[in-house]
Amino acid sequence: MNLTTEQREQVATEMKRFGADLNLNNEQKEKLQSALSEGREKIGEYLKNNPNASKADMIAKVKAHRTEIRQRVVNFLSPEQLSKWDSEVAKAKEFLGHKFDA
């Protein structure tokens, strides 16, 4: 998934806003960062090992990792934070939908 510079900046701005909106404590921040980093690493490894992967293959991998990340955040987010998380993930899917139908 290749985003333009403008799209990357928009994603970064939204992530900062979302992070502030979740009002995470330091432990939650560390756990979330770890979960997201691990997901990015797994996708990166998959791309490295499968340079000719189809778009459908990538969509399946991203969906699987998104599910894994959600399972992890359930363990440390409050019900209110989790509700905000789910809402923001839905918004992200809409934003990325034109670029990456996942």
PDB file of N, CA and C in Angstrom:
ATOM      1  N   MET A   1       0.847  -1.157   0.000  1.00  0.00           N
ATOM      2  CA  MET A   1       0.000   0.000   0.000  1.00  0.00           C
ATOM      3  C   MET A   1       0.896   1.225   0.000  1.00  0.00           C
ATOM      4  N   ASN A   2       0.899   1.943  -1.066  1.00  0.00           N
ATOM      5  CA  ASN A   2       1.718   3.142  -1.176  1.00  0.00           C
ATOM      6  C   ASN A   2       0.837   4.366  -1.001  1.00  0.00           C
ATOM      7  N   LEU A   3       1.122   5.139   0.039  1.00  0.00           N
ATOM      8  CA  LEU A   3       0.398   6.370   0.286  1.00  0.00           C
ATOM      9  C   LEU A   3       1.234   7.536  -0.200  1.00  0.00           C
ATOM     10  N   THR A   4       0.559   8.583  -0.631  1.00  0.00           N
ATOM     11  CA  THR A   4       1.270   9.796  -1.016  1.00  0.00           C
ATOM     12  C   THR A   4       1.791  10.473   0.256  1.00  0.00           C
ATOM     13  N   THR A   5       2.680  11.421   0.089  1.00  0.00           N
ATOM     14  CA  THR A   5       3.201  12.174   1.230  1.00  0.00           C
ATOM     15  C   THR A   5       2.053  12.848   1.973  1.00  0.00           C
ATOM     16  N   GLU A   6       1.136  13.420   1.241  1.00  0.00           N
ATOM     17  CA  GLU A   6      -0.021  14.086   1.846  1.00  0.00           C
ATOM     18  C   GLU A   6      -0.862  13.098   2.654  1.00  0.00           C
ATOM     19  N   GLN A   7      -1.086  11.906   2.110  1.00  0.00           N
ATOM     20  CA  GLN A   7      -1.870  10.901   2.822  1.00  0.00           C
ATOM     21  C   GLN A   7      -1.143  10.429   4.089  1.00  0.00           C
ATOM     22  N   ARG A   8       0.179  10.240   3.998  1.00  0.00           N
ATOM     23  CA  ARG A   8       0.956   9.838   5.178  1.00  0.00           C
ATOM     24  C   ARG A   8       0.864  10.906   6.266  1.00  0.00           C
ATOM     25  N   GLU A   9       0.955  12.176   5.872  1.00  0.00           N
ATOM     26  CA  GLU A   9       0.847  13.265   6.840  1.00  0.00           C
ATOM     27  C   GLU A   9      -0.535  13.288   7.476  1.00  0.00           C
ATOM     28  N   GLN A  10      -1.554  13.040   6.662  1.00  0.00           N
ATOM     29  CA  GLN A  10      -2.917  13.013   7.179  1.00  0.00           C
ATOM     30  C   GLN A  10      -3.088  11.862   8.172  1.00  0.00           C
ATOM     31  N   VAL A  11      -2.535  10.705   7.859  1.00  0.00           N
ATOM     32  CA  VAL A  11      -2.602   9.559   8.767  1.00  0.00           C
ATOM     33  C   VAL A  11      -1.875   9.886  10.074  1.00  0.00           C
ATOM     34  N   ALA A  12      -0.688  10.484   9.987  1.00  0.00           N
ATOM     35  CA  ALA A  12       0.077  10.834  11.183  1.00  0.00           C
ATOM     36  C   ALA A  12      -0.690  11.825  12.056  1.00  0.00           C
ATOM     37  N   THR A  13      -1.307  12.810  11.443  1.00  0.00           N
ATOM     38  CA  THR A  13      -2.098  13.792  12.185  1.00  0.00           C
ATOM     39  C   THR A  13      -3.276  13.122  12.875  1.00  0.00           C
ATOM     40  N   GLU A  14      -3.950  12.241  12.156  1.00  0.00           N
ATOM     41  CA  GLU A  14      -5.089  11.529  12.737  1.00  0.00           C
ATOM     42  C   GLU A  14      -4.654  10.614  13.879  1.00  0.00           C
ATOM     43  N   MET A  15      -3.505   9.958  13.738  1.00  0.00           N
ATOM     44  CA  MET A  15      -3.010   9.083  14.801  1.00  0.00           C
ATOM     45  C   MET A  15      -2.712   9.889  16.064  1.00  0.00           C
ATOM     46  N   LYS A  16      -2.124  11.066  15.913  1.00  0.00           N
ATOM     47  CA  LYS A  16      -1.839  11.917  17.073  1.00  0.00           C
ATOM     48  C   LYS A  16      -3.134  12.348  17.746  1.00  0.00           C
ATOM     49  N   ARG A  17      -4.113  12.762  16.950  1.00  0.00           N
ATOM     50  CA  ARG A  17      -5.399  13.183  17.492  1.00  0.00           C
ATOM     51  C   ARG A  17      -6.070  12.020  18.206  1.00  0.00           C
ATOM     52  N   PHE A  18      -6.051  10.870  17.571  1.00  0.00           N
ATOM     53  CA  PHE A  18      -6.684   9.689  18.132  1.00  0.00           C
ATOM     54  C   PHE A  18      -5.999   9.267  19.432  1.00  0.00           C
ATOM     55  N   GLY A  19      -4.681   9.301  19.441  1.00  0.00           N
ATOM     56  CA  GLY A  19      -3.943   8.949  20.652  1.00  0.00           C
ATOM     57  C   GLY A  19      -4.313   9.854  21.815  1.00  0.00           C
ATOM     58  N   ALA A  20      -4.431  11.144  21.555  1.00  0.00           N
ATOM     59  CA  ALA A  20      -4.820  12.094  22.602  1.00  0.00           C
ATOM     60  C   ALA A  20      -6.250  11.830  23.054  1.00  0.00           C
ATOM     61  N   ASP A  21      -7.132  11.510  22.106  1.00  0.00           N
ATOM     62  CA  ASP A  21      -8.541  11.262  22.411  1.00  0.00           C
ATOM     63  C   ASP A  21      -8.716  10.015  23.289  1.00  0.00           C
ATOM     64  N   LEU A  22      -7.860   9.017  23.113  1.00  0.00           N
ATOM     65  CA  LEU A  22      -7.958   7.796  23.920  1.00  0.00           C
ATOM     66  C   LEU A  22      -7.527   8.034  25.365  1.00  0.00           C
ATOM     67  N   ASN A  23      -6.709   9.072  25.597  1.00  0.00           N
ATOM     68  CA  ASN A  23      -6.238   9.394  26.935  1.00  0.00           C
ATOM     69  C   ASN A  23      -5.575   8.172  27.589  1.00  0.00           C
ATOM     70  N   LEU A  24      -4.578   7.635  26.902  1.00  0.00           N
ATOM     71  CA  LEU A  24      -3.883   6.444  27.376  1.00  0.00           C
ATOM     72  C   LEU A  24      -2.910   6.784  28.494  1.00  0.00           C
ATOM     73  N   ASN A  25      -2.768   5.851  29.451  1.00  0.00           N
ATOM     74  CA  ASN A  25      -1.720   6.027  30.445  1.00  0.00           C
ATOM     75  C   ASN A  25      -0.420   5.495  29.834  1.00  0.00           C
ATOM     76  N   ASN A  26       0.697   5.679  30.519  1.00  0.00           N
ATOM     77  CA  ASN A  26       1.995   5.300  29.954  1.00  0.00           C
ATOM     78  C   ASN A  26       2.082   3.811  29.634  1.00  0.00           C
ATOM     79  N   GLU A  27       1.549   2.981  30.502  1.00  0.00           N
ATOM     80  CA  GLU A  27       1.585   1.537  30.254  1.00  0.00           C
ATOM     81  C   GLU A  27       0.775   1.179  29.004  1.00  0.00           C
ATOM     82  N   GLN A  28      -0.393   1.792  28.858  1.00  0.00           N
ATOM     83  CA  GLN A  28      -1.218   1.543  27.677  1.00  0.00           C
ATOM     84  C   GLN A  28      -0.515   2.017  26.413  1.00  0.00           C
ATOM     85  N   LYS A  29       0.154   3.158  26.477  1.00  0.00           N
ATOM     86  CA  LYS A  29       0.884   3.675  25.320  1.00  0.00           C
ATOM     87  C   LYS A  29       1.951   2.678  24.878  1.00  0.00           C
ATOM     88  N   GLU A  30       2.682   2.140  25.844  1.00  0.00           N
ATOM     89  CA  GLU A  30       3.730   1.173  25.525  1.00  0.00           C
ATOM     90  C   GLU A  30       3.149  -0.086  24.896  1.00  0.00           C
ATOM     91  N   LYS A  31       2.061  -0.576  25.456  1.00  0.00           N
ATOM     92  CA  LYS A  31       1.438  -1.799  24.934  1.00  0.00           C
ATOM     93  C   LYS A  31       0.876  -1.578  23.531  1.00  0.00           C
ATOM     94  N   LEU A  32       0.261  -0.433  23.312  1.00  0.00           N
ATOM     95  CA  LEU A  32      -0.294  -0.136  21.989  1.00  0.00           C
ATOM     96  C   LEU A  32       0.823   0.017  20.971  1.00  0.00           C
ATOM     97  N   GLN A  33       1.865   0.744  21.337  1.00  0.00           N
ATOM     98  CA  GLN A  33       3.008   0.915  20.428  1.00  0.00           C
ATOM     99  C   GLN A  33       3.596  -0.438  20.055  1.00  0.00           C
ATOM    100  N   SER A  34       3.725  -1.313  21.028  1.00  0.00           N
ATOM    101  CA  SER A  34       4.259  -2.651  20.781  1.00  0.00           C
ATOM    102  C   SER A  34       3.370  -3.436  19.821  1.00  0.00           C
ATOM    103  N   ALA A  35       2.069  -3.393  20.048  1.00  0.00           N
ATOM    104  CA  ALA A  35       1.133  -4.124  19.186  1.00  0.00           C
ATOM    105  C   ALA A  35       1.177  -3.606  17.753  1.00  0.00           C
ATOM    106  N   LEU A  36       1.192  -2.279  17.590  1.00  0.00           N
ATOM    107  CA  LEU A  36       1.225  -1.695  16.245  1.00  0.00           C
ATOM    108  C   LEU A  36       2.555  -1.965  15.548  1.00  0.00           C
ATOM    109  N   SER A  37       3.643  -1.859  16.289  1.00  0.00           N
ATOM    110  CA  SER A  37       4.968  -2.120  15.704  1.00  0.00           C
ATOM    111  C   SER A  37       5.087  -3.565  15.251  1.00  0.00           C
ATOM    112  N   GLU A  38       4.597  -4.462  16.072  1.00  0.00           N
ATOM    113  CA  GLU A  38       4.650  -5.878  15.715  1.00  0.00           C
ATOM    114  C   GLU A  38       3.829  -6.148  14.444  1.00  0.00           C
ATOM    115  N   GLY A  39       2.674  -5.522  14.344  1.00  0.00           N
ATOM    116  CA  GLY A  39       1.855  -5.684  13.142  1.00  0.00           C
ATOM    117  C   GLY A  39       2.561  -5.176  11.895  1.00  0.00           C
ATOM    118  N   ARG A  40       3.200  -3.990  12.007  1.00  0.00           N
ATOM    119  CA  ARG A  40       3.942  -3.441  10.865  1.00  0.00           C
ATOM    120  C   ARG A  40       5.097  -4.360  10.473  1.00  0.00           C
ATOM    121  N   GLU A  41       5.790  -4.894  11.476  1.00  0.00           N
ATOM    122  CA  GLU A  41       6.911  -5.794  11.195  1.00  0.00           C
ATOM    123  C   GLU A  41       6.449  -7.053  10.477  1.00  0.00           C
ATOM    124  N   LYS A  42       5.334  -7.601  10.908  1.00  0.00           N
ATOM    125  CA  LYS A  42       4.821  -8.821  10.275  1.00  0.00           C
ATOM    126  C   LYS A  42       4.438  -8.568   8.816  1.00  0.00           C
ATOM    127  N   ILE A  43       3.820  -7.433   8.559  1.00  0.00           N
ATOM    128  CA  ILE A  43       3.457  -7.093   7.179  1.00  0.00           C
ATOM    129  C   ILE A  43       4.720  -6.876   6.355  1.00  0.00           C
ATOM    130  N   GLY A  44       5.694  -6.185   6.933  1.00  0.00           N
ATOM    131  CA  GLY A  44       6.963  -5.959   6.239  1.00  0.00           C
ATOM    132  C   GLY A  44       7.673  -7.257   5.907  1.00  0.00           C
ATOM    133  N   GLU A  45       7.698  -8.183   6.855  1.00  0.00           N
ATOM    134  CA  GLU A  45       8.316  -9.493   6.622  1.00  0.00           C
ATOM    135  C   GLU A  45       7.582 -10.246   5.512  1.00  0.00           C
ATOM    136  N   TYR A  46       6.253 -10.171   5.554  1.00  0.00           N
ATOM    137  CA  TYR A  46       5.470 -10.853   4.526  1.00  0.00           C
ATOM    138  C   TYR A  46       5.799 -10.293   3.145  1.00  0.00           C
ATOM    139  N   LEU A  47       5.869  -8.973   3.047  1.00  0.00           N
ATOM    140  CA  LEU A  47       6.191  -8.358   1.757  1.00  0.00           C
ATOM    141  C   LEU A  47       7.599  -8.733   1.295  1.00  0.00           C
ATOM    142  N   LYS A  48       8.535  -8.776   2.226  1.00  0.00           N
ATOM    143  CA  LYS A  48       9.908  -9.140   1.887  1.00  0.00           C
ATOM    144  C   LYS A  48       9.980 -10.573   1.373  1.00  0.00           C
ATOM    145  N   ASN A  49       9.244 -11.455   2.028  1.00  0.00           N
ATOM    146  CA  ASN A  49       9.266 -12.870   1.653  1.00  0.00           C
ATOM    147  C   ASN A  49       8.346 -13.197   0.479  1.00  0.00           C
ATOM    148  N   ASN A  50       7.432 -12.291   0.164  1.00  0.00           N
ATOM    149  CA  ASN A  50       6.469 -12.509  -0.919  1.00  0.00           C
ATOM    150  C   ASN A  50       6.363 -11.248  -1.781  1.00  0.00           C
ATOM    151  N   PRO A  51       7.439 -10.900  -2.485  1.00  0.00           N
ATOM    152  CA  PRO A  51       7.432  -9.632  -3.234  1.00  0.00           C
ATOM    153  C   PRO A  51       6.377  -9.565  -4.335  1.00  0.00           C
ATOM    154  N   ASN A  52       5.889 -10.698  -4.764  1.00  0.00           N
ATOM    155  CA  ASN A  52       4.887 -10.711  -5.826  1.00  0.00           C
ATOM    156  C   ASN A  52       3.486 -11.007  -5.290  1.00  0.00           C
ATOM    157  N   ALA A  53       3.274 -10.765  -4.006  1.00  0.00           N
ATOM    158  CA  ALA A  53       1.970 -11.025  -3.402  1.00  0.00           C
ATOM    159  C   ALA A  53       0.904 -10.178  -4.089  1.00  0.00           C
ATOM    160  N   SER A  54      -0.251 -10.779  -4.273  1.00  0.00           N
ATOM    161  CA  SER A  54      -1.358 -10.059  -4.903  1.00  0.00           C
ATOM    162  C   SER A  54      -2.000  -9.106  -3.900  1.00  0.00           C
ATOM    163  N   LYS A  55      -2.796  -8.210  -4.409  1.00  0.00           N
ATOM    164  CA  LYS A  55      -3.516  -7.276  -3.550  1.00  0.00           C
ATOM    165  C   LYS A  55      -4.432  -8.054  -2.602  1.00  0.00           C
ATOM    166  N   ALA A  56      -5.062  -9.096  -3.102  1.00  0.00           N
ATOM    167  CA  ALA A  56      -5.949  -9.912  -2.269  1.00  0.00           C
ATOM    168  C   ALA A  56      -5.179 -10.569  -1.127  1.00  0.00           C
ATOM    169  N   ASP A  57      -3.956 -11.040  -1.417  1.00  0.00           N
ATOM    170  CA  ASP A  57      -3.132 -11.633  -0.368  1.00  0.00           C
ATOM    171  C   ASP A  57      -2.797 -10.599   0.702  1.00  0.00           C
ATOM    172  N   MET A  58      -2.451  -9.406   0.280  1.00  0.00           N
ATOM    173  CA  MET A  58      -2.109  -8.346   1.231  1.00  0.00           C
ATOM    174  C   MET A  58      -3.317  -7.951   2.075  1.00  0.00           C
ATOM    175  N   ILE A  59      -4.465  -7.870   1.455  1.00  0.00           N
ATOM    176  CA  ILE A  59      -5.688  -7.530   2.193  1.00  0.00           C
ATOM    177  C   ILE A  59      -5.944  -8.572   3.273  1.00  0.00           C
ATOM    178  N   ALA A  60      -5.780  -9.838   2.927  1.00  0.00           N
ATOM    179  CA  ALA A  60      -5.983 -10.917   3.900  1.00  0.00           C
ATOM    180  C   ALA A  60      -4.995 -10.798   5.056  1.00  0.00           C
ATOM    181  N   LYS A  61      -3.741 -10.497   4.761  1.00  0.00           N
ATOM    182  CA  LYS A  61      -2.727 -10.352   5.812  1.00  0.00           C
ATOM    183  C   LYS A  61      -3.038  -9.166   6.716  1.00  0.00           C
ATOM    184  N   VAL A  62      -3.392  -8.046   6.134  1.00  0.00           N
ATOM    185  CA  VAL A  62      -3.707  -6.854   6.927  1.00  0.00           C
ATOM    186  C   VAL A  62      -4.916  -7.143   7.826  1.00  0.00           C
ATOM    187  N   LYS A  63      -5.949  -7.779   7.286  1.00  0.00           N
ATOM    188  CA  LYS A  63      -7.124  -8.112   8.092  1.00  0.00           C
ATOM    189  C   LYS A  63      -6.752  -9.023   9.248  1.00  0.00           C
ATOM    190  N   ALA A  64      -5.923  -9.997   9.002  1.00  0.00           N
ATOM    191  CA  ALA A  64      -5.509 -10.928  10.059  1.00  0.00           C
ATOM    192  C   ALA A  64      -4.744 -10.186  11.152  1.00  0.00           C
ATOM    193  N   HIS A  65      -3.851  -9.302  10.771  1.00  0.00           N
ATOM    194  CA  HIS A  65      -3.078  -8.573  11.767  1.00  0.00           C
ATOM    195  C   HIS A  65      -3.936  -7.547  12.495  1.00  0.00           C
ATOM    196  N   ARG A  66      -4.894  -6.968  11.808  1.00  0.00           N
ATOM    197  CA  ARG A  66      -5.802  -6.022  12.466  1.00  0.00           C
ATOM    198  C   ARG A  66      -6.604  -6.758  13.541  1.00  0.00           C
ATOM    199  N   THR A  67      -7.035  -7.987  13.243  1.00  0.00           N
ATOM    200  CA  THR A  67      -7.771  -8.793  14.216  1.00  0.00           C
ATOM    201  C   THR A  67      -6.883  -9.128  15.411  1.00  0.00           C
ATOM    202  N   GLU A  68      -5.635  -9.480  15.156  1.00  0.00           N
ATOM    203  CA  GLU A  68      -4.695  -9.782  16.245  1.00  0.00           C
ATOM    204  C   GLU A  68      -4.479  -8.556  17.129  1.00  0.00           C
ATOM    205  N   ILE A  69      -4.330  -7.396  16.525  1.00  0.00           N
ATOM    206  CA  ILE A  69      -4.110  -6.173  17.300  1.00  0.00           C
ATOM    207  C   ILE A  69      -5.335  -5.879  18.154  1.00  0.00           C
ATOM    208  N   ARG A  70      -6.518  -6.045  17.596  1.00  0.00           N
ATOM    209  CA  ARG A  70      -7.740  -5.792  18.378  1.00  0.00           C
ATOM    210  C   ARG A  70      -7.807  -6.726  19.574  1.00  0.00           C
ATOM    211  N   GLN A  71      -7.464  -7.987  19.367  1.00  0.00           N
ATOM    212  CA  GLN A  71      -7.484  -8.938  20.479  1.00  0.00           C
ATOM    213  C   GLN A  71      -6.522  -8.503  21.581  1.00  0.00           C
ATOM    214  N   ARG A  72      -5.406  -7.922  21.203  1.00  0.00           N
ATOM    215  CA  ARG A  72      -4.432  -7.459  22.194  1.00  0.00           C
ATOM    216  C   ARG A  72      -4.932  -6.225  22.932  1.00  0.00           C
ATOM    217  N   VAL A  73      -5.526  -5.257  22.221  1.00  0.00           N
ATOM    218  CA  VAL A  73      -5.952  -4.028  22.884  1.00  0.00           C
ATOM    219  C   VAL A  73      -7.131  -4.254  23.821  1.00  0.00           C
ATOM    220  N   VAL A  74      -7.911  -5.272  23.568  1.00  0.00           N
ATOM    221  CA  VAL A  74      -9.021  -5.608  24.468  1.00  0.00           C
ATOM    222  C   VAL A  74      -8.484  -5.852  25.881  1.00  0.00           C
ATOM    223  N   ASN A  75      -7.263  -6.347  25.977  1.00  0.00           N
ATOM    224  CA  ASN A  75      -6.681  -6.684  27.271  1.00  0.00           C
ATOM    225  C   ASN A  75      -6.231  -5.485  28.098  1.00  0.00           C
ATOM    226  N   PHE A  76      -6.073  -4.320  27.477  1.00  0.00           N
ATOM    227  CA  PHE A  76      -5.579  -3.197  28.271  1.00  0.00           C
ATOM    228  C   PHE A  76      -6.326  -1.880  28.082  1.00  0.00           C
ATOM    229  N   LEU A  77      -7.292  -1.827  27.180  1.00  0.00           N
ATOM    230  CA  LEU A  77      -8.099  -0.612  27.046  1.00  0.00           C
ATOM    231  C   LEU A  77      -9.370  -0.749  27.890  1.00  0.00           C
ATOM    232  N   SER A  78      -9.822   0.374  28.408  1.00  0.00           N
ATOM    233  CA  SER A  78     -11.094   0.388  29.142  1.00  0.00           C
ATOM    234  C   SER A  78     -12.225   0.219  28.123  1.00  0.00           C
ATOM    235  N   PRO A  79     -13.431  -0.126  28.585  1.00  0.00           N
ATOM    236  CA  PRO A  79     -14.560  -0.235  27.638  1.00  0.00           C
ATOM    237  C   PRO A  79     -14.776   1.049  26.825  1.00  0.00           C
ATOM    238  N   GLU A  80     -14.635   2.206  27.460  1.00  0.00           N
ATOM    239  CA  GLU A  80     -14.800   3.474  26.742  1.00  0.00           C
ATOM    240  C   GLU A  80     -13.706   3.649  25.690  1.00  0.00           C
ATOM    241  N   GLN A  81     -12.463   3.351  26.056  1.00  0.00           N
ATOM    242  CA  GLN A  81     -11.355   3.455  25.113  1.00  0.00           C
ATOM    243  C   GLN A  81     -11.546   2.475  23.957  1.00  0.00           C
ATOM    244  N   LEU A  82     -11.999   1.281  24.263  1.00  0.00           N
ATOM    245  CA  LEU A  82     -12.203   0.266  23.228  1.00  0.00           C
ATOM    246  C   LEU A  82     -13.288   0.703  22.244  1.00  0.00           C
ATOM    247  N   SER A  83     -14.325   1.333  22.751  1.00  0.00           N
ATOM    248  CA  SER A  83     -15.384   1.850  21.880  1.00  0.00           C
ATOM    249  C   SER A  83     -14.820   2.910  20.931  1.00  0.00           C
ATOM    250  N   LYS A  84     -13.979   3.804  21.467  1.00  0.00           N
ATOM    251  CA  LYS A  84     -13.340   4.822  20.625  1.00  0.00           C
ATOM    252  C   LYS A  84     -12.408   4.162  19.615  1.00  0.00           C
ATOM    253  N   TRP A  85     -11.667   3.139  20.048  1.00  0.00           N
ATOM    254  CA  TRP A  85     -10.758   2.403  19.166  1.00  0.00           C
ATOM    255  C   TRP A  85     -11.535   1.854  17.965  1.00  0.00           C
ATOM    256  N   ASP A  86     -12.639   1.151  18.254  1.00  0.00           N
ATOM    257  CA  ASP A  86     -13.434   0.537  17.185  1.00  0.00           C
ATOM    258  C   ASP A  86     -13.977   1.583  16.221  1.00  0.00           C
ATOM    259  N   SER A  87     -14.400   2.712  16.747  1.00  0.00           N
ATOM    260  CA  SER A  87     -14.914   3.790  15.909  1.00  0.00           C
ATOM    261  C   SER A  87     -13.825   4.341  14.991  1.00  0.00           C
ATOM    262  N   GLU A  88     -12.641   4.532  15.530  1.00  0.00           N
ATOM    263  CA  GLU A  88     -11.536   5.073  14.738  1.00  0.00           C
ATOM    264  C   GLU A  88     -11.046   4.074  13.688  1.00  0.00           C
ATOM    265  N   VAL A  89     -11.051   2.791  14.021  1.00  0.00           N
ATOM    266  CA  VAL A  89     -10.654   1.773  13.040  1.00  0.00           C
ATOM    267  C   VAL A  89     -11.633   1.793  11.867  1.00  0.00           C
ATOM    268  N   ALA A  90     -12.912   1.955  12.159  1.00  0.00           N
ATOM    269  CA  ALA A  90     -13.913   2.032  11.087  1.00  0.00           C
ATOM    270  C   ALA A  90     -13.657   3.249  10.203  1.00  0.00           C
ATOM    271  N   LYS A  91     -13.311   4.389  10.825  1.00  0.00           N
ATOM    272  CA  LYS A  91     -12.998   5.599  10.043  1.00  0.00           C
ATOM    273  C   LYS A  91     -11.766   5.379   9.175  1.00  0.00           C
ATOM    274  N   ALA A  92     -10.767   4.711   9.725  1.00  0.00           N
ATOM    275  CA  ALA A  92      -9.537   4.450   8.972  1.00  0.00           C
ATOM    276  C   ALA A  92      -9.827   3.577   7.763  1.00  0.00           C
ATOM    277  N   LYS A  93     -10.691   2.583   7.942  1.00  0.00           N
ATOM    278  CA  LYS A  93     -11.055   1.711   6.818  1.00  0.00           C
ATOM    279  C   LYS A  93     -11.691   2.541   5.706  1.00  0.00           C
ATOM    280  N   GLU A  94     -12.546   3.488   6.089  1.00  0.00           N
ATOM    281  CA  GLU A  94     -13.184   4.354   5.089  1.00  0.00           C
ATOM    282  C   GLU A  94     -12.145   5.203   4.376  1.00  0.00           C
ATOM    283  N   PHE A  95     -11.239   5.809   5.154  1.00  0.00           N
ATOM    284  CA  PHE A  95     -10.205   6.668   4.576  1.00  0.00           C
ATOM    285  C   PHE A  95      -9.335   5.885   3.605  1.00  0.00           C
ATOM    286  N   LEU A  96      -8.930   4.701   4.009  1.00  0.00           N
ATOM    287  CA  LEU A  96      -8.025   3.901   3.189  1.00  0.00           C
ATOM    288  C   LEU A  96      -8.756   3.097   2.116  1.00  0.00           C
ATOM    289  N   GLY A  97     -10.063   3.040   2.201  1.00  0.00           N
ATOM    290  CA  GLY A  97     -10.845   2.218   1.282  1.00  0.00           C
ATOM    291  C   GLY A  97     -10.568   2.483  -0.170  1.00  0.00           C
ATOM    292  N   HIS A  98     -10.379   3.742  -0.540  1.00  0.00           N
ATOM    293  CA  HIS A  98     -10.117   4.039  -1.944  1.00  0.00           C
ATOM    294  C   HIS A  98      -8.745   3.569  -2.360  1.00  0.00           C
ATOM    295  N   LYS A  99      -7.823   3.415  -1.404  1.00  0.00           N
ATOM    296  CA  LYS A  99      -6.458   3.009  -1.707  1.00  0.00           C
ATOM    297  C   LYS A  99      -6.237   1.518  -1.468  1.00  0.00           C
ATOM    298  N   PHE A 100      -6.979   0.998  -0.459  1.00  0.00           N
ATOM    299  CA  PHE A 100      -6.689  -0.336   0.024  1.00  0.00           C
ATOM    300  C   PHE A 100      -7.968  -0.920   0.575  1.00  0.00           C
ATOM    301  N   ASP A 101      -8.686  -1.675  -0.185  1.00  0.00           N
ATOM    302  CA  ASP A 101      -9.989  -2.182   0.196  1.00  0.00           C
ATOM    303  C   ASP A 101      -9.865  -3.283   1.230  1.00  0.00           C
ATOM    304  N   ALA A 102      -9.647  -2.920   2.484  1.00  0.00           N
ATOM    305  CA  ALA A 102      -9.485  -3.907   3.565  1.00  0.00           C
ATOM    306  C   ALA A 102     -10.531  -3.704   4.595  1.00  0.00           C
TER     307      ALA A 102
END
